[in-house]
PDB file of N, CA and C in Angstrom:
ATOM      1  N   MET A   1     102.230   4.353  60.078  1.00  0.00           N
ATOM      2  CA  MET A   1     102.603   3.891  61.563  1.00  0.00           C
ATOM      3  C   MET A   1     102.421   5.215  62.223  1.00  0.00           C
ATOM      4  N   PRO A   2     101.289   5.440  62.975  1.00  0.00           N
ATOM      5  CA  PRO A   2     101.300   6.628  63.853  1.00  0.00           C
ATOM      6  C   PRO A   2     102.965   6.236  64.514  1.00  0.00           C
ATOM      7  N   ARG A   3     103.491   7.593  64.669  1.00  0.00           N
ATOM      8  CA  ARG A   3     105.004   7.718  65.396  1.00  0.00           C
ATOM      9  C   ARG A   3     104.911   7.333  67.069  1.00  0.00           C
ATOM     10  N   ARG A   4     103.917   7.683  67.857  1.00  0.00           N
ATOM     11  CA  ARG A   4     103.816   6.763  69.254  1.00  0.00           C
ATOM     12  C   ARG A   4     104.058   5.213  68.640  1.00  0.00           C
ATOM     13  N   HIS A   5     103.278   4.873  67.663  1.00  0.00           N
ATOM     14  CA  HIS A   5     103.441   2.877  67.744  1.00  0.00           C
ATOM     15  C   HIS A   5     105.155   2.899  67.395  1.00  0.00           C
ATOM     16  N   ALA A   6     105.385   3.491  66.474  1.00  0.00           N
ATOM     17  CA  ALA A   6     107.087   3.376  66.176  1.00  0.00           C
ATOM     18  C   ALA A   6     107.725   4.008  67.257  1.00  0.00           C
ATOM     19  N   VAL A   7     107.604   4.631  68.317  1.00  0.00           N
ATOM     20  CA  VAL A   7     108.427   5.024  69.273  1.00  0.00           C
ATOM     21  C   VAL A   7     108.514   3.445  70.681  1.00  0.00           C
ATOM     22  N   LEU A   8     106.927   3.130  70.495  1.00  0.00           N
ATOM     23  CA  LEU A   8     106.746   1.984  71.450  1.00  0.00           C
ATOM     24  C   LEU A   8     107.312   0.828  70.899  1.00  0.00           C
ATOM     25  N   ALA A   9     107.747   0.443  69.492  1.00  0.00           N
ATOM     26  CA  ALA A   9     108.079  -0.568  69.157  1.00  0.00           C
ATOM     27  C   ALA A   9     109.869  -0.463  69.537  1.00  0.00           C
ATOM     28  N   LEU A  10     110.089   0.660  69.430  1.00  0.00           N
ATOM     29  CA  LEU A  10     111.641   0.820  69.383  1.00  0.00           C
ATOM     30  C   LEU A  10     111.836   0.154  71.237  1.00  0.00           C
ATOM     31  N   VAL A  11     110.891   1.049  71.802  1.00  0.00           N
ATOM     32  CA  VAL A  11     110.886   0.710  73.493  1.00  0.00           C
ATOM     33  C   VAL A  11     111.111  -0.720  73.358  1.00  0.00           C
ATOM     34  N   VAL A  12     110.282  -1.323  72.944  1.00  0.00           N
ATOM     35  CA  VAL A  12     110.411  -3.042  73.011  1.00  0.00           C
ATOM     36  C   VAL A  12     111.437  -3.543  72.947  1.00  0.00           C
ATOM     37  N   ALA A  13     112.002  -2.756  71.657  1.00  0.00           N
ATOM     38  CA  ALA A  13     113.323  -3.738  70.994  1.00  0.00           C
ATOM     39  C   ALA A  13     114.402  -3.823  71.873  1.00  0.00           C
ATOM     40  N   VAL A  14     114.412  -2.401  72.486  1.00  0.00           N
ATOM     41  CA  VAL A  14     115.563  -1.505  73.200  1.00  0.00           C
ATOM     42  C   VAL A  14     115.451  -2.819  74.251  1.00  0.00           C
ATOM     43  N   PHE A  15     114.420  -2.870  75.023  1.00  0.00           N
ATOM     44  CA  PHE A  15     114.222  -3.840  76.243  1.00  0.00           C
ATOM     45  C   PHE A  15     114.573  -5.158  76.001  1.00  0.00           C
ATOM     46  N   TRP A  16     113.851  -5.226  75.013  1.00  0.00           N
ATOM     47  CA  TRP A  16     114.195  -6.818  74.326  1.00  0.00           C
ATOM     48  C   TRP A  16     115.649  -7.187  74.629  1.00  0.00           C
ATOM     49  N   ALA A  17     116.156  -6.325  73.907  1.00  0.00           N
ATOM     50  CA  ALA A  17     118.026  -6.439  73.737  1.00  0.00           C
ATOM     51  C   ALA A  17     118.932  -6.448  75.041  1.00  0.00           C
ATOM     52  N   VAL A  18     118.172  -5.877  75.822  1.00  0.00           N
ATOM     53  CA  VAL A  18     119.117  -5.382  77.101  1.00  0.00           C
ATOM     54  C   VAL A  18     118.885  -6.423  77.945  1.00  0.00           C
ATOM     55  N   ASN A  19     117.829  -6.939  77.673  1.00  0.00           N
ATOM     56  CA  ASN A  19     117.269  -8.386  78.304  1.00  0.00           C
ATOM     57  C   ASN A  19     118.389  -9.250  78.259  1.00  0.00           C
ATOM     58  N   PHE A  20     118.999  -9.657  77.547  1.00  0.00           N
ATOM     59  CA  PHE A  20     120.152 -10.571  77.132  1.00  0.00           C
ATOM     60  C   PHE A  20     121.117 -10.104  77.752  1.00  0.00           C
ATOM     61  N   VAL A  21     121.810  -8.626  78.086  1.00  0.00           N
ATOM     62  CA  VAL A  21     123.076  -8.541  78.496  1.00  0.00           C
ATOM     63  C   VAL A  21     122.260  -9.081  79.835  1.00  0.00           C
ATOM     64  N   VAL A  22     121.723  -8.497  80.519  1.00  0.00           N
ATOM     65  CA  VAL A  22     121.211  -8.429  81.949  1.00  0.00           C
ATOM     66  C   VAL A  22     121.300  -9.902  82.269  1.00  0.00           C
ATOM     67  N   ILE A  23     120.828 -11.004  81.822  1.00  0.00           N
ATOM     68  CA  ILE A  23     120.535 -12.258  81.946  1.00  0.00           C
ATOM     69  C   ILE A  23     122.188 -12.712  81.899  1.00  0.00           C
ATOM     70  N   ASP A  24     123.191 -12.057  80.864  1.00  0.00           N
ATOM     71  CA  ASP A  24     124.332 -12.954  80.795  1.00  0.00           C
ATOM     72  C   ASP A  24     124.959 -12.514  82.267  1.00  0.00           C
ATOM     73  N   ILE A  25     124.962 -10.899  82.343  1.00  0.00           N
ATOM     74  CA  ILE A  25     125.904 -10.424  83.641  1.00  0.00           C
ATOM     75  C   ILE A  25     125.514 -11.199  84.601  1.00  0.00           C
ATOM     76  N   ASN A  26     124.046 -11.241  84.973  1.00  0.00           N
ATOM     77  CA  ASN A  26     123.665 -12.407  86.219  1.00  0.00           C
ATOM     78  C   ASN A  26     123.726 -13.406  86.607  1.00  0.00           C
ATOM     79  N   LEU A  27     124.043 -14.114  85.210  1.00  0.00           N
ATOM     80  CA  LEU A  27     124.802 -16.078  85.271  1.00  0.00           C
ATOM     81  C   LEU A  27     125.991 -15.905  85.529  1.00  0.00           C
ATOM     82  N   GLU A  28     126.575 -14.494  86.014  1.00  0.00           N
ATOM     83  CA  GLU A  28     127.909 -14.829  86.336  1.00  0.00           C
ATOM     84  C   GLU A  28     127.713 -14.883  88.055  1.00  0.00           C
ATOM     85  N   SER A  29     126.367 -14.290  88.491  1.00  0.00           N
ATOM     86  CA  SER A  29     126.753 -14.450  90.036  1.00  0.00           C
ATOM     87  C   SER A  29     125.683 -15.280  90.866  1.00  0.00           C
ATOM     88  N   PHE A  30     124.649 -16.078  89.843  1.00  0.00           N
ATOM     89  CA  PHE A  30     123.629 -17.061  89.936  1.00  0.00           C
ATOM     90  C   PHE A  30     123.557 -18.087  89.176  1.00  0.00           C
ATOM     91  N   PRO A  31     123.410 -19.496  90.026  1.00  0.00           N
ATOM     92  CA  PRO A  31     123.278 -20.439  89.106  1.00  0.00           C
ATOM     93  C   PRO A  31     121.886 -20.330  88.099  1.00  0.00           C
ATOM     94  N   PRO A  32     122.132 -20.874  87.408  1.00  0.00           N
ATOM     95  CA  PRO A  32     120.872 -20.771  85.790  1.00  0.00           C
ATOM     96  C   PRO A  32     119.579 -20.830  86.728  1.00  0.00           C
ATOM     97  N   LEU A  33     119.412 -22.131  87.139  1.00  0.00           N
ATOM     98  CA  LEU A  33     118.022 -22.296  87.691  1.00  0.00           C
ATOM     99  C   LEU A  33     117.612 -21.608  89.063  1.00  0.00           C
ATOM    100  N   LEU A  34     118.338 -21.315  89.814  1.00  0.00           N
ATOM    101  CA  LEU A  34     117.913 -19.575  90.689  1.00  0.00           C
ATOM    102  C   LEU A  34     117.609 -18.586  90.155  1.00  0.00           C
ATOM    103  N   PHE A  35     118.563 -18.528  89.192  1.00  0.00           N
ATOM    104  CA  PHE A  35     118.221 -17.146  88.440  1.00  0.00           C
ATOM    105  C   PHE A  35     116.654 -16.790  87.616  1.00  0.00           C
ATOM    106  N   ALA A  36     116.642 -18.043  86.767  1.00  0.00           N
ATOM    107  CA  ALA A  36     114.980 -18.471  86.313  1.00  0.00           C
ATOM    108  C   ALA A  36     113.971 -18.309  87.152  1.00  0.00           C
ATOM    109  N   ALA A  37     114.122 -18.490  87.999  1.00  0.00           N
ATOM    110  CA  ALA A  37     113.098 -18.526  89.706  1.00  0.00           C
ATOM    111  C   ALA A  37     113.026 -17.516  89.953  1.00  0.00           C
ATOM    112  N   LEU A  38     114.102 -16.392  90.291  1.00  0.00           N
ATOM    113  CA  LEU A  38     114.222 -15.383  90.644  1.00  0.00           C
ATOM    114  C   LEU A  38     113.285 -14.383  89.600  1.00  0.00           C
ATOM    115  N   ARG A  39     113.418 -14.777  88.211  1.00  0.00           N
ATOM    116  CA  ARG A  39     112.996 -13.606  86.925  1.00  0.00           C
ATOM    117  C   ARG A  39     111.278 -14.055  87.289  1.00  0.00           C
ATOM    118  N   PHE A  40     110.784 -15.256  86.898  1.00  0.00           N
ATOM    119  CA  PHE A  40     109.518 -15.926  87.164  1.00  0.00           C
ATOM    120  C   PHE A  40     108.992 -15.079  88.065  1.00  0.00           C
ATOM    121  N   GLY A  41     109.738 -14.943  89.569  1.00  0.00           N
ATOM    122  CA  GLY A  41     109.074 -14.853  90.807  1.00  0.00           C
ATOM    123  C   GLY A  41     108.860 -13.272  90.726  1.00  0.00           C
ATOM    124  N   LEU A  42     109.923 -12.636  90.441  1.00  0.00           N
ATOM    125  CA  LEU A  42     109.399 -11.061  90.383  1.00  0.00           C
ATOM    126  C   LEU A  42     108.768 -10.516  89.423  1.00  0.00           C
ATOM    127  N   ILE A  43     108.450 -11.248  88.277  1.00  0.00           N
ATOM    128  CA  ILE A  43     107.406 -10.929  87.446  1.00  0.00           C
ATOM    129  C   ILE A  43     105.882 -11.527  87.941  1.00  0.00           C
ATOM    130  N   ALA A  44     106.029 -12.736  88.566  1.00  0.00           N
ATOM    131  CA  ALA A  44     104.536 -13.354  89.076  1.00  0.00           C
ATOM    132  C   ALA A  44     104.015 -12.444  90.170  1.00  0.00           C
ATOM    133  N   PHE A  45     104.833 -12.092  90.895  1.00  0.00           N
ATOM    134  CA  PHE A  45     104.460 -11.459  92.001  1.00  0.00           C
ATOM    135  C   PHE A  45     103.548 -10.262  92.159  1.00  0.00           C
ATOM    136  N   PRO A  46     104.238  -8.833  91.199  1.00  0.00           N
ATOM    137  CA  PRO A  46     103.212  -7.449  90.815  1.00  0.00           C
ATOM    138  C   PRO A  46     101.856  -8.321  90.325  1.00  0.00           C
ATOM    139  N   ALA A  47     102.165  -9.233  89.084  1.00  0.00           N
ATOM    140  CA  ALA A  47     100.971  -9.857  88.164  1.00  0.00           C
ATOM    141  C   ALA A  47     100.031 -10.186  89.481  1.00  0.00           C
ATOM    142  N   ILE A  48     100.143 -10.621  90.197  1.00  0.00           N
ATOM    143  CA  ILE A  48      98.961 -11.128  90.806  1.00  0.00           C
ATOM    144  C   ILE A  48      98.213  -9.699  91.319  1.00  0.00           C
ATOM    145  N   PHE A  49      98.685  -8.280  91.321  1.00  0.00           N
ATOM    146  CA  PHE A  49      98.081  -7.095  92.009  1.00  0.00           C
ATOM    147  C   PHE A  49      97.356  -6.821  90.690  1.00  0.00           C
ATOM    148  N   PHE A  50      98.086  -6.831  89.554  1.00  0.00           N
ATOM    149  CA  PHE A  50      97.543  -5.641  88.603  1.00  0.00           C
ATOM    150  C   PHE A  50      96.914  -6.752  87.100  1.00  0.00           C
ATOM    151  N   VAL A  51      97.075  -8.068  87.343  1.00  0.00           N
ATOM    152  CA  VAL A  51      96.338  -8.549  86.319  1.00  0.00           C
ATOM    153  C   VAL A  51      94.920  -9.241  86.866  1.00  0.00           C
ATOM    154  N   ALA A  52      93.992  -9.289  85.980  1.00  0.00           N
ATOM    155  CA  ALA A  52      92.651  -9.441  86.694  1.00  0.00           C
ATOM    156  C   ALA A  52      92.183 -11.335  86.765  1.00  0.00           C
ATOM    157  N   ARG A  53      91.478 -11.424  87.809  1.00  0.00           N
ATOM    158  CA  ARG A  53      91.762 -13.193  87.251  1.00  0.00           C
ATOM    159  C   ARG A  53      90.522 -13.589  86.062  1.00  0.00           C
ATOM    160  N   PRO A  54      91.018 -14.908  85.659  1.00  0.00           N
ATOM    161  CA  PRO A  54      90.159 -14.694  84.718  1.00  0.00           C
ATOM    162  C   PRO A  54      88.614 -15.594  85.055  1.00  0.00           C
ATOM    163  N   ASP A  55      87.474 -15.144  84.383  1.00  0.00           N
ATOM    164  CA  ASP A  55      86.183 -15.639  84.659  1.00  0.00           C
ATOM    165  C   ASP A  55      85.898 -17.198  84.236  1.00  0.00           C
ATOM    166  N   VAL A  56      86.820 -18.316  84.939  1.00  0.00           N
ATOM    167  CA  VAL A  56      86.755 -19.426  84.317  1.00  0.00           C
ATOM    168  C   VAL A  56      86.564 -20.529  85.642  1.00  0.00           C
ATOM    169  N   ARG A  57      86.304 -21.109  85.498  1.00  0.00           N
ATOM    170  CA  ARG A  57      85.997 -22.447  86.679  1.00  0.00           C
ATOM    171  C   ARG A  57      87.159 -23.229  86.647  1.00  0.00           C
ATOM    172  N   TRP A  58      87.590 -23.656  87.573  1.00  0.00           N
ATOM    173  CA  TRP A  58      88.871 -24.454  87.284  1.00  0.00           C
ATOM    174  C   TRP A  58      88.598 -25.704  86.898  1.00  0.00           C
ATOM    175  N   LEU A  59      86.866 -26.406  87.222  1.00  0.00           N
ATOM    176  CA  LEU A  59      86.948 -27.763  86.747  1.00  0.00           C
ATOM    177  C   LEU A  59      86.376 -27.638  84.973  1.00  0.00           C
ATOM    178  N   ALA A  60      86.081 -26.622  84.491  1.00  0.00           N
ATOM    179  CA  ALA A  60      86.333 -26.366  83.163  1.00  0.00           C
ATOM    180  C   ALA A  60      87.521 -26.239  82.353  1.00  0.00           C
ATOM    181  N   LEU A  61      88.470 -26.070  82.929  1.00  0.00           N
ATOM    182  CA  LEU A  61      89.765 -26.124  82.521  1.00  0.00           C
ATOM    183  C   LEU A  61      90.390 -27.782  82.695  1.00  0.00           C
ATOM    184  N   LEU A  62      89.957 -28.338  84.052  1.00  0.00           N
ATOM    185  CA  LEU A  62      90.318 -29.724  83.880  1.00  0.00           C
ATOM    186  C   LEU A  62      89.861 -30.708  82.803  1.00  0.00           C
ATOM    187  N   ARG A  63      88.690 -30.089  82.265  1.00  0.00           N
ATOM    188  CA  ARG A  63      87.781 -31.031  81.411  1.00  0.00           C
ATOM    189  C   ARG A  63      88.383 -31.097  80.392  1.00  0.00           C
ATOM    190  N   ARG A  64      89.236 -29.725  80.039  1.00  0.00           N
ATOM    191  CA  ARG A  64      90.036 -29.561  78.348  1.00  0.00           C
ATOM    192  C   ARG A  64      91.388 -30.307  78.187  1.00  0.00           C
ATOM    193  N   LEU A  65      92.133 -31.124  79.553  1.00  0.00           N
ATOM    194  CA  LEU A  65      93.086 -31.272  79.212  1.00  0.00           C
ATOM    195  C   LEU A  65      92.888 -32.927  78.799  1.00  0.00           C
ATOM    196  N   PRO A  66      93.679 -33.511  78.199  1.00  0.00           N
ATOM    197  CA  PRO A  66      93.793 -34.630  77.539  1.00  0.00           C
ATOM    198  C   PRO A  66      93.936 -35.576  78.721  1.00  0.00           C
ATOM    199  N   ARG A  67      93.326 -37.058  78.985  1.00  0.00           N
ATOM    200  CA  ARG A  67      93.295 -37.343  79.701  1.00  0.00           C
ATOM    201  C   ARG A  67      94.524 -38.455  80.310  1.00  0.00           C
ATOM    202  N   SER A  68      95.973 -38.265  79.760  1.00  0.00           N
ATOM    203  CA  SER A  68      97.393 -38.386  80.103  1.00  0.00           C
ATOM    204  C   SER A  68      97.587 -37.552  81.105  1.00  0.00           C
ATOM    205  N   ALA A  69      96.794 -36.256  80.986  1.00  0.00           N
ATOM    206  CA  ALA A  69      97.566 -34.850  82.043  1.00  0.00           C
ATOM    207  C   ALA A  69      97.098 -34.850  83.216  1.00  0.00           C
ATOM    208  N   ARG A  70      95.559 -35.631  83.107  1.00  0.00           N
ATOM    209  CA  ARG A  70      95.311 -35.505  84.505  1.00  0.00           C
ATOM    210  C   ARG A  70      95.687 -36.288  85.683  1.00  0.00           C
TER     211      ARG A  70
END
């Protein structure tokens, strides 16, 4: 495995581990539902600008749903 891949894997592992500590600390300050909403909102907002919109029509997605979910 190239050294760059090993370093990137280590960085991901460190961020993943620190995530649990940050969640634990912040749950002392925020209610769980609000904290979850803040986490998703803080990630979704930049994703709007940096992630390309898929080339799929919404009607095609609805056809794939089971009838009970429509």
